[in-house]
Amino acid sequence: MNISDIIEGFIKDMFNEEEDYVEIQRNDLAEYFNCVPSQINYVIATRFKPSQGYYVESKRGGGGSIKIKKLNVTKSEYLMHIIQNIGDSLTSHEANIYISDFLSYKIVDEKEAKLLKVATSDNVLNISKDIRDNLRARIFKNMLLNLY
């Protein structure tokens, strides 16, 4: 696990059953993880996007207060939102983040996640980089449509 994964997990663990949002201080979190505040910004920008079921509200000043809200959507709404926002290209890393989120939110089970990972892995898509990420996006979207 890298620092981004650890920070993401820490923030996700802050959510509880009663509250659908967390509020953090960017500088405090950076100090806790002994990293620069821009690392916290990176994690929030890449791991807590609307396409991943989150809404982020950032307040300037005072150490950078950030409110992260979980969006309450149905499985089908969530999957359709992901499908519509993937675009024409998807890296292996991006696919793995989506799959990890799907497991966290119980959108897929372990077996489905494994199939998604295998079908979109670089080992399987052993073709030119120019077309690999495009093909991965098409495969991933098609698989998600069939989970819908």
Protein backbone atom coordinates (compact mmCIF):
# COMPACT_ATOMS: atom_id res chain seq x y z
CA MET A 1 0.00 0.00 0.00
CA ASN A 2 1.20 3.47 -0.79
CA ILE A 3 0.50 6.61 1.24
CA SER A 4 -2.45 7.58 -0.98
CA ASP A 5 -4.14 4.22 -0.31
CA ILE A 6 -3.56 4.59 3.43
CA ILE A 7 -4.96 8.14 3.51
CA GLU A 8 -7.98 7.06 1.44
CA GLY A 9 -8.67 4.16 3.81
CA PHE A 10 -8.32 6.41 6.84
CA ILE A 11 -10.83 8.93 5.46
CA LYS A 12 -13.29 6.18 4.47
CA ASP A 13 -13.03 4.70 7.96
CA MET A 14 -14.15 8.06 9.36
CA PHE A 15 -17.62 7.61 7.84
CA ASN A 16 -20.17 5.99 10.15
CA GLU A 17 -23.78 4.79 9.98
CA GLU A 18 -25.29 7.99 11.44
CA GLU A 19 -23.39 10.55 9.36
CA ASP A 20 -23.05 10.56 5.59
CA TYR A 21 -20.21 13.09 5.64
CA VAL A 22 -16.85 13.75 7.28
CA GLU A 23 -15.09 17.04 7.83
CA ILE A 24 -11.31 17.13 7.92
CA GLN A 25 -8.58 19.72 8.23
CA ARG A 26 -6.12 19.24 5.38
CA ASN A 27 -3.10 20.47 7.38
CA ASP A 28 -3.95 18.32 10.41
CA LEU A 29 -4.30 15.23 8.22
CA ALA A 30 -1.03 16.02 6.42
CA GLU A 31 0.71 16.38 9.77
CA TYR A 32 -0.81 13.10 11.02
CA PHE A 33 0.51 11.24 7.96
CA ASN A 34 3.76 13.22 7.83
CA CYS A 35 3.16 14.34 4.26
CA VAL A 36 2.60 17.61 2.42
CA PRO A 37 -0.95 19.05 2.25
CA SER A 38 -0.89 18.65 -1.54
CA GLN A 39 -0.79 14.86 -0.96
CA ILE A 40 -4.13 15.16 0.87
CA ASN A 41 -5.46 17.26 -2.03
CA TYR A 42 -4.32 14.59 -4.48
CA VAL A 43 -6.09 11.80 -2.57
CA ILE A 44 -9.30 13.78 -2.31
CA ALA A 45 -9.21 14.81 -5.98
CA THR A 46 -8.58 11.28 -7.24
CA ARG A 47 -10.37 9.04 -4.72
CA PHE A 48 -13.40 11.09 -3.69
CA LYS A 49 -14.91 12.21 -7.00
CA PRO A 50 -18.63 12.36 -7.81
CA SER A 51 -18.10 9.44 -10.18
CA GLN A 52 -17.01 7.46 -7.11
CA GLY A 53 -20.03 8.46 -5.04
CA TYR A 54 -18.73 11.53 -3.20
CA TYR A 55 -19.29 15.28 -3.13
CA VAL A 56 -16.40 17.40 -1.85
CA GLU A 57 -16.78 20.89 -0.43
CA SER A 58 -13.57 22.77 0.27
CA LYS A 59 -13.26 25.82 2.51
CA ARG A 60 -10.21 28.05 2.19
CA GLY A 61 -8.26 29.36 5.14
CA GLY A 62 -7.90 28.05 8.66
CA GLY A 63 -5.90 25.01 7.61
CA GLY A 64 -8.12 24.04 4.71
CA SER A 65 -11.34 22.51 5.99
CA ILE A 66 -12.74 19.86 3.65
CA LYS A 67 -16.19 18.28 3.88
CA ILE A 68 -16.65 14.98 2.05
CA LYS A 69 -20.21 13.77 1.63
CA LYS A 70 -21.27 10.30 0.54
CA LEU A 71 -23.90 10.44 -2.15
CA ASN A 72 -26.87 8.15 -1.51
CA VAL A 73 -27.69 6.58 -4.83
CA THR A 74 -28.98 3.19 -5.89
CA LYS A 75 -26.68 0.55 -7.35
CA SER A 76 -28.05 1.09 -10.85
CA GLU A 77 -27.76 4.90 -10.61
CA TYR A 78 -24.21 4.56 -9.34
CA LEU A 79 -23.17 2.17 -12.11
CA MET A 80 -24.79 4.29 -14.81
CA HIS A 81 -23.00 7.36 -13.49
CA ILE A 82 -19.67 5.49 -13.60
CA ILE A 83 -20.34 4.20 -17.13
CA GLN A 84 -21.20 7.69 -18.36
CA ASN A 85 -18.13 9.26 -16.78
CA ILE A 86 -15.40 6.78 -17.68
CA GLY A 87 -14.81 8.27 -21.11
CA ASP A 88 -12.93 6.62 -23.95
CA SER A 89 -9.86 5.57 -21.99
CA LEU A 90 -9.25 3.78 -18.69
CA THR A 91 -5.90 2.82 -17.17
CA SER A 92 -5.39 -0.35 -15.18
CA HIS A 93 -4.82 1.75 -12.05
CA GLU A 94 -8.09 3.66 -12.55
CA ALA A 95 -10.00 0.41 -13.12
CA ASN A 96 -8.56 -1.05 -9.91
CA ILE A 97 -9.64 2.03 -7.94
CA TYR A 98 -13.19 1.67 -9.29
CA ILE A 99 -13.21 -2.04 -8.45
CA SER A 100 -11.94 -1.37 -4.93
CA ASP A 101 -14.70 1.20 -4.45
CA PHE A 102 -17.30 -1.23 -5.81
CA LEU A 103 -16.23 -3.76 -3.17
CA SER A 104 -16.31 -1.13 -0.42
CA TYR A 105 -19.84 -0.09 -1.35
CA LYS A 106 -20.96 -3.70 -1.88
CA ILE A 107 -21.79 -2.98 -5.53
CA VAL A 108 -19.97 -6.18 -6.49
CA ASP A 109 -18.96 -9.27 -4.57
CA GLU A 110 -15.44 -10.74 -4.42
CA LYS A 111 -16.02 -13.04 -7.42
CA GLU A 112 -17.35 -10.21 -9.62
CA ALA A 113 -14.47 -7.96 -8.57
CA LYS A 114 -11.96 -10.65 -9.48
CA LEU A 115 -13.56 -11.08 -12.91
CA LEU A 116 -13.52 -7.31 -13.51
CA LYS A 117 -9.83 -7.16 -12.53
CA VAL A 118 -8.81 -10.10 -14.68
CA ALA A 119 -10.73 -8.91 -17.75
CA THR A 120 -9.20 -5.43 -17.56
CA SER A 121 -5.65 -6.30 -16.52
CA ASP A 122 -2.60 -5.41 -18.59
CA ASN A 123 -1.71 -9.12 -18.68
CA VAL A 124 -4.90 -9.91 -20.58
CA LEU A 125 -4.83 -6.74 -22.67
CA ASN A 126 -1.35 -7.46 -23.96
CA ILE A 127 -1.61 -5.06 -26.89
CA SER A 128 -0.20 -1.71 -27.91
CA LYS A 129 -0.57 0.99 -25.24
CA ASP A 130 -2.18 3.21 -27.89
CA ILE A 131 -5.31 1.06 -27.94
CA ARG A 132 -5.09 -0.84 -24.63
CA ASP A 133 -6.69 1.86 -22.41
CA ASN A 134 -9.42 2.45 -24.98
CA LEU A 135 -10.23 -1.26 -25.17
CA ARG A 136 -10.11 -1.55 -21.36
CA ALA A 137 -12.69 1.26 -21.05
CA ARG A 138 -15.00 -0.47 -23.53
CA ILE A 139 -14.68 -3.85 -21.78
CA PHE A 140 -15.15 -2.31 -18.32
CA LYS A 141 -18.26 -0.35 -19.36
CA ASN A 142 -19.77 -3.41 -21.02
CA MET A 143 -19.17 -5.54 -17.94
CA LEU A 144 -20.74 -2.86 -15.72
CA LEU A 145 -23.79 -2.71 -17.99
CA ASN A 146 -24.24 -6.42 -17.39
CA LEU A 147 -24.06 -5.92 -13.62
CA TYR A 148 -26.75 -3.26 -13.91
